[in-house]
Amino acid sequence: MRAYSNDLRRRIIERIQKNEESQAEIAEHFSVSLSFVEKLWHRFLATGSLEAKPHAGGRERSLKAYEALIRAEVKAQSDITLDELAKKVAEAAERPRIGIMTMCDELRRLKLPRKKNGLRRGA
């Protein structure tokens, strides 16, 4: 979801400063949530800025520290299944288990081939 434009933010602040309407009415007028109007106003009072905050970047990859191990395992055994690979990395990471989808996502990020399951070997 994209941040609201600075123009919209400025117009909301101007309306609040006029003190003619409630924040709920302003939110309805501009088709934004009341919480957005409240947070924008509090931020404006605290910092004097109405700019959107920069994107935080999201979660860090849970298997980032094991990238070298994953690459080595796939290189050593190119037809290793996701389940087998997940179990090996879980042992090395001393974690109870690593989900197959987590491993699949990590292989995709690393641009490594993936074997979906052991039952398809003969197909």
PDB file of N, CA and C in Angstrom:
ATOM      1  N   MET A   1       0.839  -1.171   0.000  1.00  0.00           N
ATOM      2  CA  MET A   1       0.000   0.000   0.000  1.00  0.00           C
ATOM      3  C   MET A   1       0.889   1.242   0.000  1.00  0.00           C
ATOM      4  N   ARG A   2       0.552   2.178  -0.842  1.00  0.00           N
ATOM      5  CA  ARG A   2       1.363   3.387  -0.955  1.00  0.00           C
ATOM      6  C   ARG A   2       0.956   4.394   0.114  1.00  0.00           C
ATOM      7  N   ALA A   3       1.888   5.262   0.449  1.00  0.00           N
ATOM      8  CA  ALA A   3       1.634   6.305   1.445  1.00  0.00           C
ATOM      9  C   ALA A   3       0.729   7.376   0.839  1.00  0.00           C
ATOM     10  N   TYR A   4      -0.052   8.010   1.689  1.00  0.00           N
ATOM     11  CA  TYR A   4      -0.883   9.121   1.229  1.00  0.00           C
ATOM     12  C   TYR A   4       0.022  10.266   0.785  1.00  0.00           C
ATOM     13  N   SER A   5      -0.421  11.033  -0.203  1.00  0.00           N
ATOM     14  CA  SER A   5       0.389  12.117  -0.747  1.00  0.00           C
ATOM     15  C   SER A   5       0.570  13.223   0.292  1.00  0.00           C
ATOM     16  N   ASN A   6       1.658  13.970   0.127  1.00  0.00           N
ATOM     17  CA  ASN A   6       1.916  15.086   1.036  1.00  0.00           C
ATOM     18  C   ASN A   6       0.867  16.184   0.875  1.00  0.00           C
ATOM     19  N   ASP A   7       0.314  16.311  -0.332  1.00  0.00           N
ATOM     20  CA  ASP A   7      -0.733  17.294  -0.566  1.00  0.00           C
ATOM     21  C   ASP A   7      -1.966  16.975   0.286  1.00  0.00           C
ATOM     22  N   LEU A   8      -2.372  15.704   0.292  1.00  0.00           N
ATOM     23  CA  LEU A   8      -3.510  15.288   1.116  1.00  0.00           C
ATOM     24  C   LEU A   8      -3.211  15.510   2.587  1.00  0.00           C
ATOM     25  N   ARG A   9      -2.024  15.157   3.004  1.00  0.00           N
ATOM     26  CA  ARG A   9      -1.627  15.341   4.405  1.00  0.00           C
ATOM     27  C   ARG A   9      -1.684  16.825   4.785  1.00  0.00           C
ATOM     28  N   ARG A  10      -1.188  17.692   3.895  1.00  0.00           N
ATOM     29  CA  ARG A  10      -1.201  19.133   4.163  1.00  0.00           C
ATOM     30  C   ARG A  10      -2.631  19.651   4.287  1.00  0.00           C
ATOM     31  N   ARG A  11      -3.517  19.207   3.378  1.00  0.00           N
ATOM     32  CA  ARG A  11      -4.908  19.670   3.428  1.00  0.00           C
ATOM     33  C   ARG A  11      -5.609  19.207   4.704  1.00  0.00           C
ATOM     34  N   ILE A  12      -5.303  18.006   5.167  1.00  0.00           N
ATOM     35  CA  ILE A  12      -5.890  17.516   6.419  1.00  0.00           C
ATOM     36  C   ILE A  12      -5.420  18.362   7.591  1.00  0.00           C
ATOM     37  N   ILE A  13      -4.126  18.642   7.647  1.00  0.00           N
ATOM     38  CA  ILE A  13      -3.569  19.461   8.735  1.00  0.00           C
ATOM     39  C   ILE A  13      -4.196  20.855   8.709  1.00  0.00           C
ATOM     40  N   GLU A  14      -4.338  21.430   7.534  1.00  0.00           N
ATOM     41  CA  GLU A  14      -4.951  22.765   7.427  1.00  0.00           C
ATOM     42  C   GLU A  14      -6.380  22.755   7.955  1.00  0.00           C
ATOM     43  N   ARG A  15      -7.128  21.711   7.638  1.00  0.00           N
ATOM     44  CA  ARG A  15      -8.504  21.603   8.120  1.00  0.00           C
ATOM     45  C   ARG A  15      -8.559  21.479   9.641  1.00  0.00           C
ATOM     46  N   ILE A  16      -7.649  20.699  10.196  1.00  0.00           N
ATOM     47  CA  ILE A  16      -7.617  20.536  11.654  1.00  0.00           C
ATOM     48  C   ILE A  16      -7.275  21.868  12.313  1.00  0.00           C
ATOM     49  N   GLN A  17      -6.312  22.593  11.745  1.00  0.00           N
ATOM     50  CA  GLN A  17      -5.891  23.865  12.315  1.00  0.00           C
ATOM     51  C   GLN A  17      -7.001  24.915  12.286  1.00  0.00           C
ATOM     52  N   LYS A  18      -7.904  24.836  11.305  1.00  0.00           N
ATOM     53  CA  LYS A  18      -9.037  25.768  11.253  1.00  0.00           C
ATOM     54  C   LYS A  18     -10.003  25.538  12.406  1.00  0.00           C
ATOM     55  N   ASN A  19     -10.002  24.295  12.939  1.00  0.00           N
ATOM     56  CA  ASN A  19     -10.804  23.932  14.107  1.00  0.00           C
ATOM     57  C   ASN A  19     -12.306  24.139  13.879  1.00  0.00           C
ATOM     58  N   GLU A  20     -12.772  23.934  12.656  1.00  0.00           N
ATOM     59  CA  GLU A  20     -14.188  24.080  12.336  1.00  0.00           C
ATOM     60  C   GLU A  20     -14.906  22.740  12.315  1.00  0.00           C
ATOM     61  N   GLU A  21     -14.145  21.651  12.127  1.00  0.00           N
ATOM     62  CA  GLU A  21     -14.730  20.316  12.031  1.00  0.00           C
ATOM     63  C   GLU A  21     -14.021  19.384  13.005  1.00  0.00           C
ATOM     64  N   SER A  22     -14.712  18.303  13.356  1.00  0.00           N
ATOM     65  CA  SER A  22     -14.076  17.291  14.201  1.00  0.00           C
ATOM     66  C   SER A  22     -13.139  16.448  13.325  1.00  0.00           C
ATOM     67  N   GLN A  23     -12.254  15.732  13.970  1.00  0.00           N
ATOM     68  CA  GLN A  23     -11.335  14.878  13.217  1.00  0.00           C
ATOM     69  C   GLN A  23     -12.098  13.782  12.482  1.00  0.00           C
ATOM     70  N   ALA A  24     -13.181  13.291  13.055  1.00  0.00           N
ATOM     71  CA  ALA A  24     -13.993  12.268  12.405  1.00  0.00           C
ATOM     72  C   ALA A  24     -14.620  12.815  11.116  1.00  0.00           C
ATOM     73  N   GLU A  25     -15.089  14.039  11.155  1.00  0.00           N
ATOM     74  CA  GLU A  25     -15.677  14.664   9.967  1.00  0.00           C
ATOM     75  C   GLU A  25     -14.615  14.886   8.888  1.00  0.00           C
ATOM     76  N   ILE A  26     -13.431  15.285   9.304  1.00  0.00           N
ATOM     77  CA  ILE A  26     -12.331  15.489   8.360  1.00  0.00           C
ATOM     78  C   ILE A  26     -11.949  14.163   7.712  1.00  0.00           C
ATOM     79  N   ALA A  27     -11.877  13.096   8.518  1.00  0.00           N
ATOM     80  CA  ALA A  27     -11.547  11.776   7.994  1.00  0.00           C
ATOM     81  C   ALA A  27     -12.586  11.337   6.961  1.00  0.00           C
ATOM     82  N   GLU A  28     -13.848  11.555   7.257  1.00  0.00           N
ATOM     83  CA  GLU A  28     -14.910  11.179   6.327  1.00  0.00           C
ATOM     84  C   GLU A  28     -14.830  12.017   5.045  1.00  0.00           C
ATOM     85  N   HIS A  29     -14.569  13.314   5.191  1.00  0.00           N
ATOM     86  CA  HIS A  29     -14.479  14.197   4.029  1.00  0.00           C
ATOM     87  C   HIS A  29     -13.387  13.760   3.054  1.00  0.00           C
ATOM     88  N   PHE A  30     -12.233  13.356   3.591  1.00  0.00           N
ATOM     89  CA  PHE A  30     -11.099  12.976   2.752  1.00  0.00           C
ATOM     90  C   PHE A  30     -11.040  11.473   2.472  1.00  0.00           C
ATOM     91  N   SER A  31     -12.010  10.720   2.977  1.00  0.00           N
ATOM     92  CA  SER A  31     -12.076   9.258   2.776  1.00  0.00           C
ATOM     93  C   SER A  31     -10.828   8.546   3.294  1.00  0.00           C
ATOM     94  N   VAL A  32     -10.421   8.918   4.489  1.00  0.00           N
ATOM     95  CA  VAL A  32      -9.325   8.243   5.171  1.00  0.00           C
ATOM     96  C   VAL A  32      -9.830   7.808   6.541  1.00  0.00           C
ATOM     97  N   SER A  33      -9.075   6.986   7.225  1.00  0.00           N
ATOM     98  CA  SER A  33      -9.508   6.515   8.540  1.00  0.00           C
ATOM     99  C   SER A  33      -9.277   7.596   9.604  1.00  0.00           C
ATOM    100  N   LEU A  34     -10.072   7.513  10.634  1.00  0.00           N
ATOM    101  CA  LEU A  34      -9.930   8.447  11.755  1.00  0.00           C
ATOM    102  C   LEU A  34      -8.560   8.272  12.407  1.00  0.00           C
ATOM    103  N   SER A  35      -8.109   7.020  12.517  1.00  0.00           N
ATOM    104  CA  SER A  35      -6.804   6.796  13.148  1.00  0.00           C
ATOM    105  C   SER A  35      -5.678   7.451  12.349  1.00  0.00           C
ATOM    106  N   PHE A  36      -5.787   7.473  11.007  1.00  0.00           N
ATOM    107  CA  PHE A  36      -4.769   8.144  10.198  1.00  0.00           C
ATOM    108  C   PHE A  36      -4.741   9.635  10.515  1.00  0.00           C
ATOM    109  N   VAL A  37      -5.923  10.251  10.611  1.00  0.00           N
ATOM    110  CA  VAL A  37      -6.006  11.686  10.905  1.00  0.00           C
ATOM    111  C   VAL A  37      -5.406  11.962  12.284  1.00  0.00           C
ATOM    112  N   GLU A  38      -5.753  11.128  13.270  1.00  0.00           N
ATOM    113  CA  GLU A  38      -5.236  11.319  14.634  1.00  0.00           C
ATOM    114  C   GLU A  38      -3.715  11.170  14.671  1.00  0.00           C
ATOM    115  N   LYS A  39      -3.205  10.114  14.020  1.00  0.00           N
ATOM    116  CA  LYS A  39      -1.756   9.886  14.028  1.00  0.00           C
ATOM    117  C   LYS A  39      -1.009  10.995  13.287  1.00  0.00           C
ATOM    118  N   LEU A  40      -1.590  11.448  12.176  1.00  0.00           N
ATOM    119  CA  LEU A  40      -0.970  12.532  11.421  1.00  0.00           C
ATOM    120  C   LEU A  40      -0.906  13.799  12.271  1.00  0.00           C
ATOM    121  N   TRP A  41      -1.985  14.104  12.967  1.00  0.00           N
ATOM    122  CA  TRP A  41      -2.030  15.301  13.805  1.00  0.00           C
ATOM    123  C   TRP A  41      -1.029  15.213  14.945  1.00  0.00           C
ATOM    124  N   HIS A  42      -0.978  14.069  15.620  1.00  0.00           N
ATOM    125  CA  HIS A  42      -0.019  13.903  16.729  1.00  0.00           C
ATOM    126  C   HIS A  42       1.418  13.993  16.232  1.00  0.00           C
ATOM    127  N   ARG A  43       1.673  13.406  15.078  1.00  0.00           N
ATOM    128  CA  ARG A  43       3.027  13.467  14.515  1.00  0.00           C
ATOM    129  C   ARG A  43       3.382  14.902  14.128  1.00  0.00           C
ATOM    130  N   PHE A  44       2.428  15.618  13.560  1.00  0.00           N
ATOM    131  CA  PHE A  44       2.660  17.006  13.179  1.00  0.00           C
ATOM    132  C   PHE A  44       2.958  17.863  14.409  1.00  0.00           C
ATOM    133  N   LEU A  45       2.211  17.630  15.491  1.00  0.00           N
ATOM    134  CA  LEU A  45       2.454  18.396  16.719  1.00  0.00           C
ATOM    135  C   LEU A  45       3.812  18.068  17.337  1.00  0.00           C
ATOM    136  N   ALA A  46       4.197  16.810  17.286  1.00  0.00           N
ATOM    137  CA  ALA A  46       5.446  16.381  17.913  1.00  0.00           C
ATOM    138  C   ALA A  46       6.681  16.758  17.101  1.00  0.00           C
ATOM    139  N   THR A  47       6.596  16.634  15.770  1.00  0.00           N
ATOM    140  CA  THR A  47       7.798  16.822  14.952  1.00  0.00           C
ATOM    141  C   THR A  47       7.721  18.003  13.995  1.00  0.00           C
ATOM    142  N   GLY A  48       6.506  18.480  13.730  1.00  0.00           N
ATOM    143  CA  GLY A  48       6.339  19.548  12.754  1.00  0.00           C
ATOM    144  C   GLY A  48       6.378  19.042  11.317  1.00  0.00           C
ATOM    145  N   SER A  49       6.448  17.733  11.152  1.00  0.00           N
ATOM    146  CA  SER A  49       6.535  17.140   9.818  1.00  0.00           C
ATOM    147  C   SER A  49       5.243  16.405   9.489  1.00  0.00           C
ATOM    148  N   LEU A  50       4.866  16.443   8.227  1.00  0.00           N
ATOM    149  CA  LEU A  50       3.718  15.660   7.793  1.00  0.00           C
ATOM    150  C   LEU A  50       4.121  14.644   6.739  1.00  0.00           C
ATOM    151  N   GLU A  51       5.427  14.493   6.515  1.00  0.00           N
ATOM    152  CA  GLU A  51       5.952  13.533   5.555  1.00  0.00           C
ATOM    153  C   GLU A  51       5.693  12.101   6.026  1.00  0.00           C
ATOM    154  N   ALA A  52       5.534  11.202   5.073  1.00  0.00           N
ATOM    155  CA  ALA A  52       5.384   9.790   5.401  1.00  0.00           C
ATOM    156  C   ALA A  52       6.713   9.245   5.910  1.00  0.00           C
ATOM    157  N   LYS A  53       6.653   8.322   6.845  1.00  0.00           N
ATOM    158  CA  LYS A  53       7.865   7.687   7.339  1.00  0.00           C
ATOM    159  C   LYS A  53       8.410   6.758   6.257  1.00  0.00           C
ATOM    160  N   PRO A  54       9.725   6.564   6.216  1.00  0.00           N
ATOM    161  CA  PRO A  54      10.283   5.648   5.220  1.00  0.00           C
ATOM    162  C   PRO A  54       9.886   4.213   5.518  1.00  0.00           C
ATOM    163  N   HIS A  55       9.884   3.387   4.475  1.00  0.00           N
ATOM    164  CA  HIS A  55       9.533   1.978   4.620  1.00  0.00           C
ATOM    165  C   HIS A  55      10.557   1.296   5.509  1.00  0.00           C
ATOM    166  N   ALA A  56      10.076   0.465   6.429  1.00  0.00           N
ATOM    167  CA  ALA A  56      10.954  -0.174   7.403  1.00  0.00           C
ATOM    168  C   ALA A  56      11.741  -1.347   6.819  1.00  0.00           C
ATOM    169  N   GLY A  57      11.307  -1.909   5.711  1.00  0.00           N
ATOM    170  CA  GLY A  57      12.076  -2.967   5.067  1.00  0.00           C
ATOM    171  C   GLY A  57      11.554  -4.371   5.287  1.00  0.00           C
ATOM    172  N   GLY A  58      10.649  -4.593   6.191  1.00  0.00           N
ATOM    173  CA  GLY A  58      10.079  -5.921   6.397  1.00  0.00           C
ATOM    174  C   GLY A  58      10.926  -6.797   7.294  1.00  0.00           C
ATOM    175  N   ARG A  59      10.485  -8.042   7.404  1.00  0.00           N
ATOM    176  CA  ARG A  59      11.170  -9.002   8.263  1.00  0.00           C
ATOM    177  C   ARG A  59      12.485  -9.461   7.649  1.00  0.00           C
ATOM    178  N   GLU A  60      13.418  -9.826   8.513  1.00  0.00           N
ATOM    179  CA  GLU A  60      14.673 -10.393   8.046  1.00  0.00           C
ATOM    180  C   GLU A  60      14.462 -11.879   7.780  1.00  0.00           C
ATOM    181  N   ARG A  61      15.136 -12.405   6.794  1.00  0.00           N
ATOM    182  CA  ARG A  61      15.004 -13.825   6.456  1.00  0.00           C
ATOM    183  C   ARG A  61      15.429 -14.691   7.633  1.00  0.00           C
ATOM    184  N   SER A  62      14.647 -15.703   7.939  1.00  0.00           N
ATOM    185  CA  SER A  62      14.956 -16.558   9.081  1.00  0.00           C
ATOM    186  C   SER A  62      16.127 -17.506   8.807  1.00  0.00           C
ATOM    187  N   LEU A  63      16.395 -17.804   7.554  1.00  0.00           N
ATOM    188  CA  LEU A  63      17.477 -18.735   7.207  1.00  0.00           C
ATOM    189  C   LEU A  63      18.691 -18.042   6.598  1.00  0.00           C
ATOM    190  N   LYS A  64      18.774 -16.739   6.748  1.00  0.00           N
ATOM    191  CA  LYS A  64      19.865 -15.972   6.150  1.00  0.00           C
ATOM    192  C   LYS A  64      21.232 -16.458   6.631  1.00  0.00           C
ATOM    193  N   ALA A  65      21.342 -16.802   7.899  1.00  0.00           N
ATOM    194  CA  ALA A  65      22.616 -17.238   8.466  1.00  0.00           C
ATOM    195  C   ALA A  65      23.052 -18.606   7.948  1.00  0.00           C
ATOM    196  N   TYR A  66      22.127 -19.347   7.355  1.00  0.00           N
ATOM    197  CA  TYR A  66      22.428 -20.707   6.901  1.00  0.00           C
ATOM    198  C   TYR A  66      22.530 -20.812   5.379  1.00  0.00           C
ATOM    199  N   GLU A  67      22.720 -19.689   4.720  1.00  0.00           N
ATOM    200  CA  GLU A  67      22.803 -19.648   3.267  1.00  0.00           C
ATOM    201  C   GLU A  67      23.936 -20.540   2.753  1.00  0.00           C
ATOM    202  N   ALA A  68      25.098 -20.467   3.346  1.00  0.00           N
ATOM    203  CA  ALA A  68      26.251 -21.270   2.902  1.00  0.00           C
ATOM    204  C   ALA A  68      25.959 -22.759   3.080  1.00  0.00           C
ATOM    205  N   LEU A  69      25.342 -23.127   4.181  1.00  0.00           N
ATOM    206  CA  LEU A  69      25.001 -24.530   4.430  1.00  0.00           C
ATOM    207  C   LEU A  69      24.006 -25.031   3.389  1.00  0.00           C
ATOM    208  N   ILE A  70      23.001 -24.235   3.100  1.00  0.00           N
ATOM    209  CA  ILE A  70      21.987 -24.631   2.108  1.00  0.00           C
ATOM    210  C   ILE A  70      22.623 -24.808   0.742  1.00  0.00           C
ATOM    211  N   ARG A  71      23.479 -23.862   0.348  1.00  0.00           N
ATOM    212  CA  ARG A  71      24.162 -23.978  -0.945  1.00  0.00           C
ATOM    213  C   ARG A  71      25.027 -25.239  -1.002  1.00  0.00           C
ATOM    214  N   ALA A  72      25.744 -25.520   0.084  1.00  0.00           N
ATOM    215  CA  ALA A  72      26.620 -26.695   0.125  1.00  0.00           C
ATOM    216  C   ALA A  72      25.813 -27.989   0.040  1.00  0.00           C
ATOM    217  N   GLU A  73      24.702 -28.064   0.750  1.00  0.00           N
ATOM    218  CA  GLU A  73      23.864 -29.270   0.721  1.00  0.00           C
ATOM    219  C   GLU A  73      23.275 -29.505  -0.662  1.00  0.00           C
ATOM    220  N   VAL A  74      22.801 -28.439  -1.308  1.00  0.00           N
ATOM    221  CA  VAL A  74      22.218 -28.583  -2.641  1.00  0.00           C
ATOM    222  C   VAL A  74      23.301 -28.960  -3.651  1.00  0.00           C
ATOM    223  N   LYS A  75      24.505 -28.401  -3.488  1.00  0.00           N
ATOM    224  CA  LYS A  75      25.601 -28.737  -4.404  1.00  0.00           C
ATOM    225  C   LYS A  75      26.035 -30.192  -4.221  1.00  0.00           C
ATOM    226  N   ALA A  76      26.092 -30.643  -2.967  1.00  0.00           N
ATOM    227  CA  ALA A  76      26.518 -32.011  -2.683  1.00  0.00           C
ATOM    228  C   ALA A  76      25.485 -33.033  -3.145  1.00  0.00           C
ATOM    229  N   GLN A  77      24.221 -32.711  -3.011  1.00  0.00           N
ATOM    230  CA  GLN A  77      23.154 -33.641  -3.398  1.00  0.00           C
ATOM    231  C   GLN A  77      22.083 -32.835  -4.132  1.00  0.00           C
ATOM    232  N   SER A  78      22.201 -32.760  -5.439  1.00  0.00           N
ATOM    233  CA  SER A  78      21.322 -31.889  -6.227  1.00  0.00           C
ATOM    234  C   SER A  78      19.865 -32.322  -6.230  1.00  0.00           C
ATOM    235  N   ASP A  79      19.583 -33.596  -5.927  1.00  0.00           N
ATOM    236  CA  ASP A  79      18.196 -34.051  -5.938  1.00  0.00           C
ATOM    237  C   ASP A  79      17.610 -34.171  -4.525  1.00  0.00           C
ATOM    238  N   ILE A  80      18.195 -33.467  -3.570  1.00  0.00           N
ATOM    239  CA  ILE A  80      17.695 -33.501  -2.194  1.00  0.00           C
ATOM    240  C   ILE A  80      16.287 -32.899  -2.146  1.00  0.00           C
ATOM    241  N   THR A  81      15.420 -33.530  -1.385  1.00  0.00           N
ATOM    242  CA  THR A  81      14.050 -33.017  -1.291  1.00  0.00           C
ATOM    243  C   THR A  81      14.004 -31.837  -0.319  1.00  0.00           C
ATOM    244  N   LEU A  82      12.947 -31.073  -0.405  1.00  0.00           N
ATOM    245  CA  LEU A  82      12.775 -29.938   0.506  1.00  0.00           C
ATOM    246  C   LEU A  82      12.726 -30.413   1.951  1.00  0.00           C
ATOM    247  N   ASP A  83      12.048 -31.524   2.187  1.00  0.00           N
ATOM    248  CA  ASP A  83      11.912 -32.051   3.541  1.00  0.00           C
ATOM    249  C   ASP A  83      13.274 -32.461   4.105  1.00  0.00           C
ATOM    250  N   GLU A  84      14.066 -33.171   3.296  1.00  0.00           N
ATOM    251  CA  GLU A  84      15.397 -33.597   3.747  1.00  0.00           C
ATOM    252  C   GLU A  84      16.288 -32.380   4.028  1.00  0.00           C
ATOM    253  N   LEU A  85      16.245 -31.416   3.138  1.00  0.00           N
ATOM    254  CA  LEU A  85      17.051 -30.208   3.312  1.00  0.00           C
ATOM    255  C   LEU A  85      16.619 -29.433   4.552  1.00  0.00           C
ATOM    256  N   ALA A  86      15.329 -29.325   4.762  1.00  0.00           N
ATOM    257  CA  ALA A  86      14.808 -28.617   5.937  1.00  0.00           C
ATOM    258  C   ALA A  86      15.261 -29.300   7.221  1.00  0.00           C
ATOM    259  N   LYS A  87      15.243 -30.638   7.230  1.00  0.00           N
ATOM    260  CA  LYS A  87      15.681 -31.379   8.427  1.00  0.00           C
ATOM    261  C   LYS A  87      17.164 -31.161   8.700  1.00  0.00           C
ATOM    262  N   LYS A  88      17.988 -31.178   7.655  1.00  0.00           N
ATOM    263  CA  LYS A  88      19.435 -30.971   7.837  1.00  0.00           C
ATOM    264  C   LYS A  88      19.739 -29.565   8.366  1.00  0.00           C
ATOM    265  N   VAL A  89      19.068 -28.572   7.816  1.00  0.00           N
ATOM    266  CA  VAL A  89      19.299 -27.197   8.266  1.00  0.00           C
ATOM    267  C   VAL A  89      18.769 -27.012   9.686  1.00  0.00           C
ATOM    268  N   ALA A  90      17.648 -27.643  10.010  1.00  0.00           N
ATOM    269  CA  ALA A  90      17.092 -27.555  11.368  1.00  0.00           C
ATOM    270  C   ALA A  90      18.058 -28.153  12.383  1.00  0.00           C
ATOM    271  N   GLU A  91      18.695 -29.266  12.032  1.00  0.00           N
ATOM    272  CA  GLU A  91      19.688 -29.870  12.929  1.00  0.00           C
ATOM    273  C   GLU A  91      20.862 -28.914  13.149  1.00  0.00           C
ATOM    274  N   ALA A  92      21.353 -28.329  12.073  1.00  0.00           N
ATOM    275  CA  ALA A  92      22.493 -27.412  12.170  1.00  0.00           C
ATOM    276  C   ALA A  92      22.116 -26.142  12.933  1.00  0.00           C
ATOM    277  N   ALA A  93      20.879 -25.709  12.768  1.00  0.00           N
ATOM    278  CA  ALA A  93      20.429 -24.480  13.414  1.00  0.00           C
ATOM    279  C   ALA A  93      19.948 -24.727  14.837  1.00  0.00           C
ATOM    280  N   GLU A  94      19.898 -26.007  15.226  1.00  0.00           N
ATOM    281  CA  GLU A  94      19.394 -26.393  16.546  1.00  0.00           C
ATOM    282  C   GLU A  94      17.989 -25.843  16.775  1.00  0.00           C
ATOM    283  N   ARG A  95      17.162 -26.010  15.751  1.00  0.00           N
ATOM    284  CA  ARG A  95      15.755 -25.617  15.820  1.00  0.00           C
ATOM    285  C   ARG A  95      14.917 -26.881  15.736  1.00  0.00           C
ATOM    286  N   PRO A  96      13.729 -26.872  16.332  1.00  0.00           N
ATOM    287  CA  PRO A  96      12.899 -28.075  16.283  1.00  0.00           C
ATOM    288  C   PRO A  96      12.521 -28.481  14.867  1.00  0.00           C
ATOM    289  N   ARG A  97      12.158 -27.496  14.026  1.00  0.00           N
ATOM    290  CA  ARG A  97      11.848 -27.826  12.641  1.00  0.00           C
ATOM    291  C   ARG A  97      11.823 -26.559  11.801  1.00  0.00           C
ATOM    292  N   ILE A  98      11.995 -26.760  10.504  1.00  0.00           N
ATOM    293  CA  ILE A  98      11.886 -25.672   9.532  1.00  0.00           C
ATOM    294  C   ILE A  98      10.836 -26.104   8.521  1.00  0.00           C
ATOM    295  N   GLY A  99       9.901 -25.245   8.243  1.00  0.00           N
ATOM    296  CA  GLY A  99       8.821 -25.580   7.329  1.00  0.00           C
ATOM    297  C   GLY A  99       9.312 -25.739   5.892  1.00  0.00           C
ATOM    298  N   ILE A 100       8.606 -26.577   5.163  1.00  0.00           N
ATOM    299  CA  ILE A 100       8.966 -26.830   3.772  1.00  0.00           C
ATOM    300  C   ILE A 100       8.806 -25.554   2.939  1.00  0.00           C
ATOM    301  N   MET A 101       7.748 -24.789   3.185  1.00  0.00           N
ATOM    302  CA  MET A 101       7.546 -23.557   2.425  1.00  0.00           C
ATOM    303  C   MET A 101       8.649 -22.532   2.719  1.00  0.00           C
ATOM    304  N   THR A 102       9.115 -22.500   3.963  1.00  0.00           N
ATOM    305  CA  THR A 102      10.224 -21.603   4.310  1.00  0.00           C
ATOM    306  C   THR A 102      11.466 -21.993   3.512  1.00  0.00           C
ATOM    307  N   MET A 103      11.718 -23.286   3.437  1.00  0.00           N
ATOM    308  CA  MET A 103      12.874 -23.766   2.688  1.00  0.00           C
ATOM    309  C   MET A 103      12.691 -23.492   1.195  1.00  0.00           C
ATOM    310  N   CYS A 104      11.488 -23.691   0.694  1.00  0.00           N
ATOM    311  CA  CYS A 104      11.204 -23.437  -0.714  1.00  0.00           C
ATOM    312  C   CYS A 104      11.439 -21.959  -1.050  1.00  0.00           C
ATOM    313  N   ASP A 105      10.966 -21.074  -0.191  1.00  0.00           N
ATOM    314  CA  ASP A 105      11.174 -19.634  -0.396  1.00  0.00           C
ATOM    315  C   ASP A 105      12.648 -19.277  -0.379  1.00  0.00           C
ATOM    316  N   GLU A 106      13.389 -19.899   0.544  1.00  0.00           N
ATOM    317  CA  GLU A 106      14.825 -19.614   0.644  1.00  0.00           C
ATOM    318  C   GLU A 106      15.565 -20.090  -0.608  1.00  0.00           C
ATOM    319  N   LEU A 107      15.216 -21.264  -1.113  1.00  0.00           N
ATOM    320  CA  LEU A 107      15.851 -21.762  -2.342  1.00  0.00           C
ATOM    321  C   LEU A 107      15.528 -20.846  -3.515  1.00  0.00           C
ATOM    322  N   ARG A 108      14.321 -20.338  -3.550  1.00  0.00           N
ATOM    323  CA  ARG A 108      13.936 -19.419  -4.632  1.00  0.00           C
ATOM    324  C   ARG A 108      14.753 -18.125  -4.531  1.00  0.00           C
ATOM    325  N   ARG A 109      14.936 -17.606  -3.318  1.00  0.00           N
ATOM    326  CA  ARG A 109      15.730 -16.382  -3.141  1.00  0.00           C
ATOM    327  C   ARG A 109      17.178 -16.595  -3.568  1.00  0.00           C
ATOM    328  N   LEU A 110      17.686 -17.806  -3.273  1.00  0.00           N
ATOM    329  CA  LEU A 110      19.079 -18.117  -3.599  1.00  0.00           C
ATOM    330  C   LEU A 110      19.241 -18.596  -5.040  1.00  0.00           C
ATOM    331  N   LYS A 111      18.112 -18.706  -5.766  1.00  0.00           N
ATOM    332  CA  LYS A 111      18.106 -19.154  -7.159  1.00  0.00           C
ATOM    333  C   LYS A 111      18.730 -20.538  -7.298  1.00  0.00           C
ATOM    334  N   LEU A 112      18.360 -21.420  -6.382  1.00  0.00           N
ATOM    335  CA  LEU A 112      18.824 -22.803  -6.412  1.00  0.00           C
ATOM    336  C   LEU A 112      17.682 -23.704  -6.858  1.00  0.00           C
ATOM    337  N   PRO A 113      18.006 -24.841  -7.517  1.00  0.00           N
ATOM    338  CA  PRO A 113      16.940 -25.758  -7.931  1.00  0.00           C
ATOM    339  C   PRO A 113      16.309 -26.403  -6.705  1.00  0.00           C
ATOM    340  N   ARG A 114      15.043 -26.793  -6.846  1.00  0.00           N
ATOM    341  CA  ARG A 114      14.390 -27.426  -5.704  1.00  0.00           C
ATOM    342  C   ARG A 114      13.672 -28.689  -6.151  1.00  0.00           C
ATOM    343  N   LYS A 115      13.703 -29.658  -5.279  1.00  0.00           N
ATOM    344  CA  LYS A 115      13.019 -30.915  -5.515  1.00  0.00           C
ATOM    345  C   LYS A 115      11.790 -30.882  -4.612  1.00  0.00           C
ATOM    346  N   LYS A 116      10.603 -31.056  -5.173  1.00  0.00           N
ATOM    347  CA  LYS A 116       9.383 -30.874  -4.398  1.00  0.00           C
ATOM    348  C   LYS A 116       9.125 -32.020  -3.427  1.00  0.00           C
ATOM    349  N   ASN A 117       9.248 -33.275  -3.845  1.00  0.00           N
ATOM    350  CA  ASN A 117       9.075 -34.377  -2.912  1.00  0.00           C
ATOM    351  C   ASN A 117       9.788 -35.621  -3.427  1.00  0.00           C
ATOM    352  N   GLY A 118       9.976 -36.576  -2.550  1.00  0.00           N
ATOM    353  CA  GLY A 118      10.683 -37.780  -2.871  1.00  0.00           C
ATOM    354  C   GLY A 118       9.884 -38.761  -3.703  1.00  0.00           C
ATOM    355  N   LEU A 119       8.574 -38.622  -3.770  1.00  0.00           N
ATOM    356  CA  LEU A 119       7.731 -39.563  -4.486  1.00  0.00           C
ATOM    357  C   LEU A 119       7.823 -39.384  -5.999  1.00  0.00           C
ATOM    358  N   ARG A 120       8.288 -38.267  -6.466  1.00  0.00           N
ATOM    359  CA  ARG A 120       8.316 -37.979  -7.893  1.00  0.00           C
ATOM    360  C   ARG A 120       9.652 -38.358  -8.544  1.00  0.00           C
ATOM    361  N   ARG A 121      10.519 -38.992  -7.837  1.00  0.00           N
ATOM    362  CA  ARG A 121      11.849 -39.302  -8.391  1.00  0.00           C
ATOM    363  C   ARG A 121      11.749 -40.165  -9.632  1.00  0.00           C
ATOM    364  N   GLY A 122      10.820 -41.111  -9.659  1.00  0.00           N
ATOM    365  CA  GLY A 122      10.721 -42.016 -10.792  1.00  0.00           C
ATOM    366  C   GLY A 122       9.956 -41.399 -11.973  1.00  0.00           C
ATOM    367  N   ALA A 123       9.250 -40.322 -11.738  1.00  0.00           N
ATOM    368  CA  ALA A 123       8.422 -39.741 -12.801  1.00  0.00           C
ATOM    369  C   ALA A 123       9.231 -38.968 -13.804  1.00  0.00           C
TER     370      ALA A 123
END
